[in-house]
Protein backbone atom coordinates (compact mmCIF):
# COMPACT_ATOMS: atom_id res chain seq x y z
CA MET A 1 -51.60 116.42 -8.68
CA ALA A 2 -55.27 116.78 -10.25
CA ASP A 3 -57.03 120.10 -8.73
CA ASP A 4 -59.75 118.30 -7.07
CA LEU A 5 -57.44 115.87 -4.85
CA LYS A 6 -55.92 119.64 -3.87
CA ARG A 7 -58.68 120.84 -2.79
CA GLN A 8 -59.94 117.17 -0.45
CA LEU A 9 -56.37 117.49 0.87
CA ALA A 10 -56.36 121.13 2.17
CA ALA A 11 -60.38 120.78 3.07
CA LEU A 12 -58.76 117.97 5.43
CA ASP A 13 -56.18 120.08 6.78
CA ALA A 14 -58.45 122.44 9.09
CA ASP A 15 -60.15 119.30 10.58
CA ILE A 16 -56.94 117.37 10.86
CA GLU A 17 -54.89 120.25 12.86
CA GLN A 18 -57.78 120.02 15.40
CA ARG A 19 -57.25 116.37 16.28
CA PRO A 20 -54.52 114.97 18.64
CA ALA A 21 -50.82 114.28 17.24
CA PRO A 22 -50.73 110.68 15.64
CA ARG A 23 -50.31 108.16 18.85
CA PRO A 24 -47.44 105.97 18.77
CA LEU A 25 -48.14 102.18 16.86
CA PRO A 26 -49.19 99.39 19.08
CA PRO A 27 -45.82 97.21 19.78
CA GLU A 28 -45.85 93.92 17.53
CA LEU A 29 -45.44 91.96 20.21
CA GLU A 30 -47.01 91.90 23.50
CA PRO A 31 -44.59 91.94 26.57
CA VAL A 32 -43.77 88.32 28.47
CA PRO A 33 -41.94 88.17 31.74
CA LEU A 34 -38.44 86.14 31.76
CA PHE A 35 -38.23 82.59 32.33
CA PRO A 36 -38.98 81.71 36.30
CA LEU A 37 -36.00 80.12 37.11
CA ALA A 38 -36.85 79.91 40.59
CA ALA A 39 -39.57 78.08 39.61
CA LEU A 40 -37.59 75.37 39.32
CA PRO A 41 -36.44 73.15 41.49
CA ASN A 42 -33.02 72.47 42.73
CA SER A 43 -31.88 69.15 40.52
CA ILE A 44 -32.50 70.70 37.52
CA ARG A 45 -32.12 74.47 37.72
CA PRO A 46 -28.55 74.77 37.78
CA TRP A 47 -28.25 72.45 34.43
CA ILE A 48 -30.80 74.66 32.56
CA GLN A 49 -28.55 77.84 33.71
CA ASP A 50 -25.52 76.65 32.63
CA VAL A 51 -26.79 75.53 29.18
CA SER A 52 -28.02 78.70 28.71
CA ASP A 53 -25.09 80.95 29.19
CA ARG A 54 -23.30 78.30 27.45
CA MET A 55 -24.95 78.63 24.30
CA ALA A 56 -26.06 82.02 24.79
CA CYS A 57 -29.93 81.49 24.59
CA PRO A 58 -32.86 82.40 26.81
CA PRO A 59 -33.14 79.67 29.19
CA ASP A 60 -36.85 79.38 28.06
CA PHE A 61 -35.29 76.90 25.37
CA VAL A 62 -33.67 74.82 27.69
CA ALA A 63 -36.25 74.60 30.79
CA VAL A 64 -39.40 74.06 28.63
CA PRO A 65 -38.33 70.83 26.78
CA MET A 66 -36.84 69.53 29.94
CA LEU A 67 -40.39 69.90 31.57
CA VAL A 68 -41.93 68.28 28.87
CA GLY A 69 -39.36 65.49 28.73
CA LEU A 70 -39.64 64.76 32.82
CA SER A 71 -43.50 65.15 32.55
CA SER A 72 -43.78 62.32 29.78
CA LEU A 73 -41.53 60.04 32.10
CA ALA A 74 -44.02 61.22 35.62
CA ALA A 75 -47.07 60.41 33.11
CA ARG A 76 -45.78 56.92 32.75
CA LYS A 77 -46.12 56.48 36.99
CA LEU A 78 -48.52 58.28 38.50
CA THR A 79 -51.65 60.90 37.85
CA ILE A 80 -52.88 63.68 40.32
CA ARG A 81 -55.97 64.25 41.75
CA PRO A 82 -56.43 68.19 42.48
CA GLN A 83 -59.50 67.73 45.02
CA GLU A 84 -59.95 66.00 47.97
CA LYS A 85 -62.94 63.70 47.43
CA THR A 86 -63.34 63.47 43.54
CA ASP A 87 -62.10 61.33 40.75
CA TRP A 88 -60.95 63.95 38.80
CA GLU A 89 -57.56 62.97 37.65
CA GLU A 90 -54.87 64.37 34.91
CA ARG A 91 -52.53 62.88 33.53
CA ALA A 92 -48.71 64.67 33.73
CA ASN A 93 -47.89 64.45 30.17
CA ILE A 94 -47.70 68.00 28.65
CA TRP A 95 -46.99 69.39 25.18
CA GLY A 96 -44.53 72.72 24.42
CA LEU A 97 -43.37 75.00 22.07
CA ILE A 98 -40.60 76.89 22.06
CA ILE A 99 -41.00 80.09 19.58
CA GLY A 100 -37.99 82.06 18.16
CA ARG A 101 -36.16 83.06 14.82
CA PRO A 102 -33.76 81.13 13.01
CA GLY A 103 -30.26 80.74 14.58
CA LEU A 104 -31.37 81.27 18.52
CA MET A 105 -29.93 77.99 19.30
CA LYS A 106 -34.19 76.32 19.66
CA SER A 107 -32.93 73.23 18.47
CA PRO A 108 -28.83 72.82 20.28
CA ALA A 109 -30.90 73.56 23.49
CA GLN A 110 -33.98 71.35 23.47
CA SER A 111 -31.03 68.99 22.50
CA ALA A 112 -29.06 69.21 25.74
CA ALA A 113 -32.48 69.51 27.99
CA LEU A 114 -33.59 65.69 26.82
CA SER A 115 -30.08 64.32 26.45
CA PRO A 116 -30.84 62.36 29.80
CA LEU A 117 -34.15 61.34 27.90
CA ARG A 118 -32.11 60.24 24.64
CA ALA A 119 -29.38 57.95 27.09
CA MET A 120 -32.58 56.35 28.42
CA GLU A 121 -33.32 55.49 24.51
CA LEU A 122 -30.15 54.03 23.73
CA MET A 123 -29.75 51.85 26.62
CA ALA A 124 -33.22 50.36 26.01
CA GLY A 125 -32.64 50.27 22.33
CA GLU A 126 -29.49 47.96 23.27
CA VAL A 127 -31.58 45.84 25.96
CA TYR A 128 -34.05 45.14 22.78
CA ARG A 129 -31.40 43.97 20.66
CA ASP A 130 -29.89 41.96 23.19
CA ALA A 131 -33.58 40.09 24.01
CA SER A 132 -34.18 39.81 20.24
CA LYS A 133 -31.21 38.09 19.88
CA ASP A 134 -31.94 35.71 22.76
CA HIS A 135 -35.55 35.21 21.35
CA GLU A 136 -34.10 34.25 18.32
CA HIS A 137 -32.08 31.72 19.51
CA ALA A 138 -34.79 30.32 21.86
CA LEU A 139 -37.19 30.21 18.72
CA LYS A 140 -34.55 28.02 16.99
CA VAL A 141 -34.29 25.89 20.03
CA ALA A 142 -37.96 25.50 20.35
CA LYS A 143 -38.63 24.66 16.82
CA ILE A 144 -35.73 21.89 17.02
CA ARG A 145 -37.21 20.64 20.11
CA GLN A 146 -40.48 20.16 18.85
CA LYS A 147 -39.24 18.52 15.60
CA ALA A 148 -37.64 15.90 17.98
CA ARG A 149 -40.90 15.18 19.92
CA GLU A 150 -42.85 14.80 16.23
CA THR A 151 -40.04 12.59 15.14
CA ASN A 152 -40.16 10.30 18.28
CA ALA A 153 -44.07 10.32 18.24
CA THR A 154 -43.81 9.45 14.44
CA ALA A 155 -41.66 6.47 14.98
CA ALA A 156 -43.21 5.18 18.12
CA LEU A 157 -46.54 4.96 15.83
CA ARG A 158 -44.97 3.24 13.34
CA LYS A 159 -44.14 0.21 16.05
CA ASN A 160 -47.35 0.69 17.42
CA PRO A 161 -49.78 2.04 15.79
CA ASP A 162 -52.01 1.76 19.12
CA ALA A 163 -49.35 3.26 21.40
CA GLU A 164 -50.95 6.26 23.53
CA PHE A 165 -48.53 9.41 24.21
CA GLU A 166 -48.93 12.95 24.47
CA LEU A 167 -47.13 15.16 22.12
CA GLU A 168 -45.97 18.26 24.34
CA SER A 169 -46.17 21.42 22.67
CA ALA A 170 -43.41 23.61 22.09
CA GLY A 171 -45.70 27.02 23.42
CA GLU A 172 -45.63 30.36 21.90
CA LEU A 173 -42.48 32.21 22.98
CA GLU A 174 -43.51 35.87 23.63
CA PRO A 175 -41.28 38.27 21.52
CA PRO A 176 -39.38 40.67 23.99
CA ARG A 177 -40.89 44.51 24.13
CA HIS A 178 -39.33 47.39 23.05
CA GLU A 179 -39.01 49.99 25.31
CA ARG A 180 -39.32 53.71 23.81
CA PHE A 181 -39.09 56.99 25.60
CA ILE A 182 -38.39 59.28 22.78
CA VAL A 183 -39.29 59.42 18.68
CA ASN A 184 -39.23 61.57 15.99
CA ASN A 185 -41.03 61.54 12.94
CA LEU A 186 -43.70 58.67 12.11
CA THR A 187 -47.31 58.26 11.28
CA TYR A 188 -49.79 58.46 14.01
CA GLU A 189 -50.53 54.74 13.28
CA SER A 190 -46.49 54.07 13.82
CA ALA A 191 -46.83 56.33 17.18
CA GLY A 192 -50.38 53.15 18.10
CA ALA A 193 -48.22 50.18 17.67
CA ILE A 194 -45.51 51.78 19.72
CA LEU A 195 -48.08 53.07 22.29
CA ALA A 196 -49.15 49.39 22.23
CA ASP A 197 -45.74 47.99 23.70
CA ASN A 198 -45.62 51.31 25.64
CA PRO A 199 -48.87 51.71 27.30
CA GLY A 200 -47.02 54.13 30.00
CA GLY A 201 -46.51 56.76 26.89
CA ILE A 202 -43.99 58.39 24.69
CA LEU A 203 -42.30 61.39 23.61
CA LEU A 204 -42.68 62.70 20.26
CA GLU A 205 -39.99 65.33 19.55
CA ARG A 206 -39.39 67.84 16.34
CA ASP A 207 -36.95 70.41 15.86
CA GLU A 208 -39.42 72.24 13.83
CA ILE A 209 -43.05 71.01 14.33
CA ALA A 210 -44.58 73.65 12.24
CA SER A 211 -44.97 71.04 9.37
CA LEU A 212 -46.50 68.24 11.58
CA LEU A 213 -48.82 71.13 12.64
CA ARG A 214 -49.56 72.35 9.03
CA ASN A 215 -50.28 68.40 8.01
CA LEU A 216 -52.63 67.76 10.75
CA ALA A 217 -54.74 70.74 9.39
CA GLN A 218 -55.47 68.80 6.21
CA ASP A 219 -58.88 68.03 5.82
CA ASP A 220 -57.40 64.46 4.91
CA GLN A 221 -56.08 63.76 8.50
CA ALA A 222 -58.95 64.19 10.76
CA GLU A 223 -57.97 60.23 11.99
CA ALA A 224 -54.25 61.46 13.16
CA ARG A 225 -55.87 64.87 14.41
CA GLY A 226 -58.39 62.81 16.57
CA PHE A 227 -55.61 60.49 17.54
CA TYR A 228 -53.03 63.60 19.46
CA LEU A 229 -55.89 65.57 20.90
CA GLN A 230 -56.78 61.81 22.52
CA SER A 231 -53.13 61.16 23.43
CA TRP A 232 -53.45 64.76 25.59
CA ALA A 233 -56.08 63.79 27.61
CA GLY A 234 -55.85 60.13 27.94
CA GLY A 235 -57.95 57.57 27.78
CA PRO A 236 -59.03 54.22 25.89
CA TYR A 237 -58.37 54.34 21.89
CA LEU A 238 -58.83 51.53 19.34
CA PHE A 239 -57.01 50.98 16.14
CA ASP A 240 -59.42 49.41 13.74
CA ARG A 241 -57.54 48.31 10.51
CA ILE A 242 -59.05 45.49 7.64
CA GLY A 243 -56.42 43.07 7.66
CA ARG A 244 -54.34 44.06 10.93
CA GLY A 245 -56.68 42.99 13.66
CA HIS A 246 -57.14 45.36 16.06
CA ILE A 247 -54.38 47.47 18.39
CA ARG A 248 -56.09 48.77 22.03
CA ILE A 249 -54.27 51.15 24.12
CA ASP A 250 -55.77 51.23 27.65
CA ASP A 251 -54.55 54.63 28.20
CA LEU A 252 -53.32 56.63 25.41
CA ARG A 253 -50.88 59.34 26.66
CA VAL A 254 -47.90 61.11 24.38
CA SER A 255 -46.00 64.43 25.61
CA MET A 256 -44.70 66.84 22.68
CA ILE A 257 -42.50 69.08 22.52
CA GLY A 258 -40.93 71.14 19.31
CA GLY A 259 -39.68 74.33 17.77
CA ILE A 260 -41.17 76.82 15.83
CA GLN A 261 -40.54 80.17 13.97
CA PRO A 262 -43.05 83.30 14.52
CA GLY A 263 -44.19 83.45 10.96
CA PRO A 264 -45.50 79.55 10.90
CA LEU A 265 -46.91 80.03 14.05
CA SER A 266 -48.86 83.16 13.52
CA ARG A 267 -50.06 81.42 10.25
CA LEU A 268 -51.43 78.76 12.06
CA ILE A 269 -53.06 80.90 14.43
CA ARG A 270 -54.95 83.15 11.96
CA ASP A 271 -55.88 79.89 9.91
CA ALA A 272 -57.42 78.64 13.16
CA HIS A 273 -59.29 82.34 14.01
CA ARG A 274 -60.54 82.36 10.38
CA HIS A 275 -61.57 78.40 9.92
CA GLY A 276 -62.16 77.47 13.71
CA SER A 277 -60.26 75.49 16.36
CA ASP A 278 -60.41 71.99 17.43
CA GLY A 279 -58.11 73.07 20.50
CA LEU A 280 -55.24 71.15 19.09
CA LEU A 281 -52.84 73.86 19.10
CA GLU A 282 -54.21 75.57 22.23
CA ARG A 283 -53.29 72.55 24.03
CA PHE A 284 -49.46 73.63 23.73
CA LEU A 285 -47.59 75.43 26.39
CA ILE A 286 -45.78 78.23 24.65
CA ALA A 287 -43.04 79.91 25.61
CA TRP A 288 -42.35 82.94 22.94
CA PRO A 289 -39.34 84.84 24.77
CA ASP A 290 -37.98 88.00 23.27
CA ASP A 291 -34.58 88.08 21.62
CA PRO A 292 -31.37 87.69 23.65
CA GLY A 293 -29.69 90.51 21.82
CA THR A 294 -26.14 90.51 21.09
CA TRP A 295 -24.37 87.29 20.76
CA ARG A 296 -21.49 86.43 23.28
CA GLU A 297 -18.66 84.06 23.03
CA VAL A 298 -18.89 81.62 25.97
CA ASP A 299 -16.12 79.02 25.58
CA ARG A 300 -16.06 77.00 28.88
CA TRP A 301 -16.57 72.99 29.93
CA PRO A 302 -19.95 72.42 31.07
CA ASP A 303 -20.98 72.02 34.46
CA SER A 304 -20.72 68.58 35.29
CA LYS A 305 -22.17 68.94 38.47
CA ALA A 306 -25.42 70.23 37.33
CA LYS A 307 -25.56 67.64 34.38
CA LEU A 308 -25.36 64.91 36.59
CA ALA A 309 -28.18 66.17 39.21
CA ALA A 310 -30.10 66.53 36.07
CA LYS A 311 -29.85 63.16 34.83
CA GLU A 312 -30.37 61.68 37.70
CA ALA A 313 -33.71 63.78 38.41
CA PHE A 314 -34.92 61.59 35.36
CA GLU A 315 -33.75 58.50 36.43
CA ARG A 316 -35.32 58.95 39.91
CA ILE A 317 -38.33 59.20 37.73
CA GLN A 318 -38.09 56.44 35.51
CA HIS A 319 -37.17 54.06 38.57
CA LEU A 320 -39.65 55.51 40.54
CA ASP A 321 -41.17 53.25 43.24
CA THR A 322 -44.62 54.71 43.52
CA ILE A 323 -45.67 52.79 46.87
CA GLN A 324 -42.82 54.39 48.47
CA VAL A 325 -43.61 57.40 46.91
CA GLY A 326 -47.03 57.19 48.56
CA GLY A 327 -49.11 56.81 45.76
CA ASP A 328 -52.94 56.03 46.56
CA HIS A 329 -54.96 53.49 44.08
CA SER A 330 -58.20 52.80 43.77
CA PRO A 331 -60.48 49.89 42.15
CA LEU A 332 -62.19 52.52 40.09
CA ASP A 333 -59.08 53.99 38.51
CA GLY A 334 -59.67 52.72 34.93
CA ASN A 335 -55.91 53.21 33.40
CA GLY A 336 -54.33 51.10 36.24
CA LEU A 337 -51.73 54.27 37.62
CA PRO A 338 -51.55 55.14 41.02
CA PHE A 339 -52.14 58.76 41.83
CA LEU A 340 -51.25 61.48 44.30
CA ARG A 341 -53.65 63.93 45.77
CA LEU A 342 -52.59 67.67 46.65
CA ALA A 343 -51.41 68.65 50.31
CA PRO A 344 -54.29 69.98 52.32
CA ASP A 345 -52.54 73.92 51.90
CA ALA A 346 -51.81 73.26 48.63
CA ARG A 347 -55.39 72.57 48.29
CA SER A 348 -56.69 75.52 49.16
CA LEU A 349 -54.23 77.90 47.18
CA PHE A 350 -55.15 75.65 44.17
CA VAL A 351 -59.08 76.20 44.47
CA GLU A 352 -57.99 80.13 45.17
CA TRP A 353 -56.17 80.11 42.10
CA ARG A 354 -58.83 78.30 40.17
CA THR A 355 -61.64 80.27 40.94
CA ASP A 356 -59.48 83.23 39.68
CA LEU A 357 -59.41 81.37 36.51
CA GLU A 358 -62.94 80.17 35.89
CA SER A 359 -63.79 83.87 36.35
CA ARG A 360 -61.33 85.14 33.98
CA LEU A 361 -62.53 82.70 31.36
CA ARG A 362 -66.48 83.63 32.15
CA GLY A 363 -65.30 87.13 31.22
CA ALA A 364 -62.45 86.44 28.79
CA SER A 365 -62.07 89.38 26.07
CA GLY A 366 -58.68 87.94 24.30
CA GLY A 367 -60.64 85.77 21.61
CA ALA A 368 -61.92 82.54 21.28
CA LEU A 369 -58.25 80.94 20.94
CA LEU A 370 -56.90 82.53 23.96
CA GLU A 371 -59.87 80.98 25.71
CA SER A 372 -59.45 77.93 24.76
CA ALA A 373 -55.79 77.94 25.69
CA LEU A 374 -56.21 79.18 29.21
CA SER A 375 -59.22 76.72 29.67
CA LYS A 376 -56.41 74.31 29.33
CA PHE A 377 -54.36 75.25 32.40
CA ARG A 378 -56.99 73.29 34.68
CA LYS A 379 -54.47 70.06 33.73
CA HIS A 380 -51.48 72.28 33.14
CA VAL A 381 -51.33 73.16 36.73
CA PRO A 382 -51.47 70.03 38.33
CA ALA A 383 -49.19 68.40 35.33
CA LEU A 384 -46.76 70.71 36.50
CA ALA A 385 -46.91 70.45 39.82
CA LEU A 386 -46.63 66.52 39.89
CA THR A 387 -43.57 66.82 37.77
CA ILE A 388 -41.87 69.40 39.61
CA HIS A 389 -42.97 67.17 43.06
CA LEU A 390 -41.06 64.20 41.19
CA ALA A 391 -38.24 65.89 39.72
CA ALA A 392 -37.38 67.13 43.15
CA GLY A 393 -37.40 63.71 44.49
CA LYS A 394 -40.22 64.42 47.42
CA SER A 395 -42.91 62.13 47.87
CA GLY A 396 -46.50 61.83 49.57
CA ALA A 397 -48.79 64.18 48.94
CA VAL A 398 -47.67 67.26 46.33
CA ASN A 399 -46.91 70.33 48.58
CA LEU A 400 -47.40 74.11 48.79
CA THR A 401 -44.17 74.49 47.31
CA SER A 402 -44.77 71.99 44.06
CA LEU A 403 -47.91 73.88 43.71
CA ALA A 404 -46.89 77.49 44.09
CA GLN A 405 -43.76 76.50 41.43
CA ALA A 406 -46.40 75.51 39.30
CA LEU A 407 -48.55 78.43 39.48
CA GLU A 408 -45.73 80.81 38.98
CA LEU A 409 -44.75 78.81 35.96
CA ALA A 410 -48.87 79.14 34.74
CA ASP A 411 -48.56 82.65 35.12
CA TYR A 412 -45.36 82.63 32.75
CA PHE A 413 -47.09 80.54 30.41
CA MET A 414 -50.39 82.12 30.20
CA ALA A 415 -48.37 85.75 29.43
CA HIS A 416 -46.60 83.98 26.46
CA ALA A 417 -49.81 82.47 25.46
CA THR A 418 -51.31 86.08 25.37
CA ARG A 419 -48.74 87.29 23.29
CA ALA A 420 -48.86 84.09 20.66
CA TYR A 421 -52.67 84.52 20.47
CA ALA A 422 -52.40 88.72 20.10
CA SER A 423 -49.42 87.94 17.11
CA GLY A 424 -52.01 87.70 14.36
CA ILE A 425 -51.44 91.38 14.18
CA ARG A 426 -47.98 91.47 14.39
CA PRO A 427 -47.57 91.41 10.53
CA THR A 428 -50.15 94.41 10.29
CA VAL A 429 -48.00 96.43 12.72
CA LYS A 430 -44.85 95.52 10.85
CA ALA A 431 -46.30 96.40 7.58
CA ALA A 432 -47.60 100.18 9.07
CA LYS A 433 -43.90 100.42 10.39
CA GLY A 434 -41.98 99.51 7.31
CA ILE A 435 -44.69 101.63 5.67
CA LEU A 436 -43.66 104.94 7.83
CA ALA A 437 -39.71 103.90 7.42
CA ARG A 438 -40.13 103.92 3.62
CA VAL A 439 -41.91 107.43 3.67
CA LYS A 440 -39.27 108.85 5.33
CA SER A 441 -36.27 107.63 3.50
CA GLY A 442 -37.97 109.15 0.81
CA ALA A 443 -38.28 105.65 -1.20
CA LEU A 444 -41.71 106.02 -1.07
CA GLU A 445 -43.20 109.36 -2.43
CA VAL A 446 -46.45 110.90 -1.05
CA PRO A 447 -48.91 110.64 -2.00
CA PHE A 448 -49.14 106.89 -2.81
CA THR A 449 -51.63 104.12 -3.57
CA ALA A 450 -51.19 100.60 -1.62
CA ARG A 451 -50.68 99.20 -5.00
CA LYS A 452 -46.94 101.40 -5.32
CA VAL A 453 -46.13 99.64 -1.78
CA TYR A 454 -47.29 96.10 -2.16
CA ARG A 455 -45.92 96.22 -6.04
CA SER A 456 -42.41 97.89 -4.71
CA GLY A 457 -41.11 94.39 -3.76
CA TRP A 458 -39.70 96.08 -0.34
CA GLU A 459 -39.38 92.72 2.19
CA GLY A 460 -42.80 92.34 4.13
CA LEU A 461 -44.70 94.88 2.28
CA GLY A 462 -45.22 92.45 -0.71
CA ASP A 463 -49.27 90.89 0.00
CA ARG A 464 -51.77 93.20 -0.88
CA GLU A 465 -54.15 92.30 1.92
CA THR A 466 -51.25 92.96 4.63
CA VAL A 467 -50.44 96.23 3.45
CA GLU A 468 -53.70 97.09 3.35
CA ALA A 469 -54.40 96.57 6.99
CA GLY A 470 -51.49 98.37 7.58
CA LEU A 471 -52.50 101.15 6.00
CA ASP A 472 -55.47 101.01 7.97
CA ILE A 473 -53.67 101.00 11.20
CA LEU A 474 -52.21 104.10 10.13
CA LEU A 475 -54.95 105.68 9.60
CA GLU A 476 -56.45 104.56 12.83
CA TYR A 477 -53.60 105.93 14.60
CA GLY A 478 -53.55 109.37 12.67
CA TRP A 479 -50.27 109.04 10.75
CA LEU A 480 -51.78 109.33 7.32
CA ILE A 481 -54.90 110.58 5.24
CA ASP A 482 -56.63 109.33 2.49
CA ALA A 483 -58.44 111.19 -0.25
CA VAL A 484 -60.08 109.26 -3.46
CA TYR A 485 -58.80 110.42 -6.41
CA ALA A 486 -61.09 110.00 -9.78
CA ASP A 487 -59.83 111.93 -12.62
CA GLY A 488 -62.34 110.24 -15.23
CA GLY A 489 -61.56 106.83 -14.38
CA ARG A 490 -61.80 104.18 -11.59
CA PRO A 491 -61.59 106.09 -8.22
CA THR A 492 -58.26 105.36 -6.63
CA THR A 493 -57.44 105.91 -2.95
CA LEU A 494 -54.36 108.11 -2.17
CA TYR A 495 -52.11 108.49 0.95
CA SER A 496 -50.46 110.98 2.29
CA LEU A 497 -48.34 111.95 6.10
CA ARG A 498 -50.75 113.64 8.05
CA PRO A 499 -49.46 117.17 8.35
CA GLY A 500 -47.16 117.68 11.37
CA ALA A 501 -46.48 113.97 11.29
CA GLN A 502 -42.79 112.91 11.55
CA PRO A 503 -42.10 109.18 11.16
């Protein structure tokens, strides 16, 4: 080693020995609570537990898709007005993201959770196919009758050109409407055409939703992005297409659920931090549970009673009689849906919670994205309360129990949002720990350069920017010391372990 570098390091030793010992590195992920199963109604909780146990996956991966699926049906029937006197109302549709690395059973759990909705989709498809056949037959009969009337009229005119008669019109037969509940991979124009026939809304489900979110981030997808932004909030939407006429959707409502891996999500969040955000990503309720640990074999029959109860919860909302449930309706309600309000004690609790939320937002220190995500809970909480209320088979004003359950879920989702929007630091901390591990194993000899690390080919340490950020954290937390070495050429920063540090 060059003498000048030895002198620099020796000069640092005396100062470094006076500093506190190296501090533990921050966690790669913020701690989060377990999913609050007690916050779910009895109609769906046993089935969620059963699926989670048999698949050995976190209950979050079952519960969140099921809540989103139920909300997509509730959004067809009712809205909720959280205040006593105003016309502020929220649709029940919600968006959800379940986050986990590959192999944690996200897709099978989501599929099991949405099986009642898939059954409705299949049944609706069969009804549509039968109705289409009947419609095709009716069109043929109508054409034959029309042709016969025209033939009779022609014959009558030949006999008597001055004959008076009325030529009846066959009229236009309305084609059957294809009721839809769940869709997968389609363009937003196709989604708009489906929604025109299904004004109550649909559920967009994706196994891996990262591709959709990346696509919507492209500059040429501004219209599609605007469509989805509107579909979360609700309200009128008009497609204008040359040669295709106009498609008007009176109240655009789309629910959305999908899985995503931690890496792609962190990149989406970092891009939103870097380029700004219009709030699309922040509209999602996020579930990012800890890894479930050691896998275990579970081979037993499903709980058929629990499965039937969950299925009945879906069907109960789908066939809901809003008059019996107690839905109010105002002539000023532009979307044409009845609405429920909060019961007085539930409204008092909601005001207390919202007061705390607004104070938290005005003093937020977690960054613009997290603040934006937390602000969306003004909708999430009423939507969850209405969904829980209906899934439990309750009627009348949304009561205190339903709202309290929604607030417990909100605490869970807020904590997971905090984990997600802080995950931008995750690769940096992981890189810092990886560097220390290579030093400890002897694979990385000290002193070393940043170039030596990112040119090594080691997993997770191949990106220069990430490696340099990891080195900065190790310097900040007292694990490394650095010195600049010139030796007649370009200055190079060399890193060494702080004396006394044991990685």
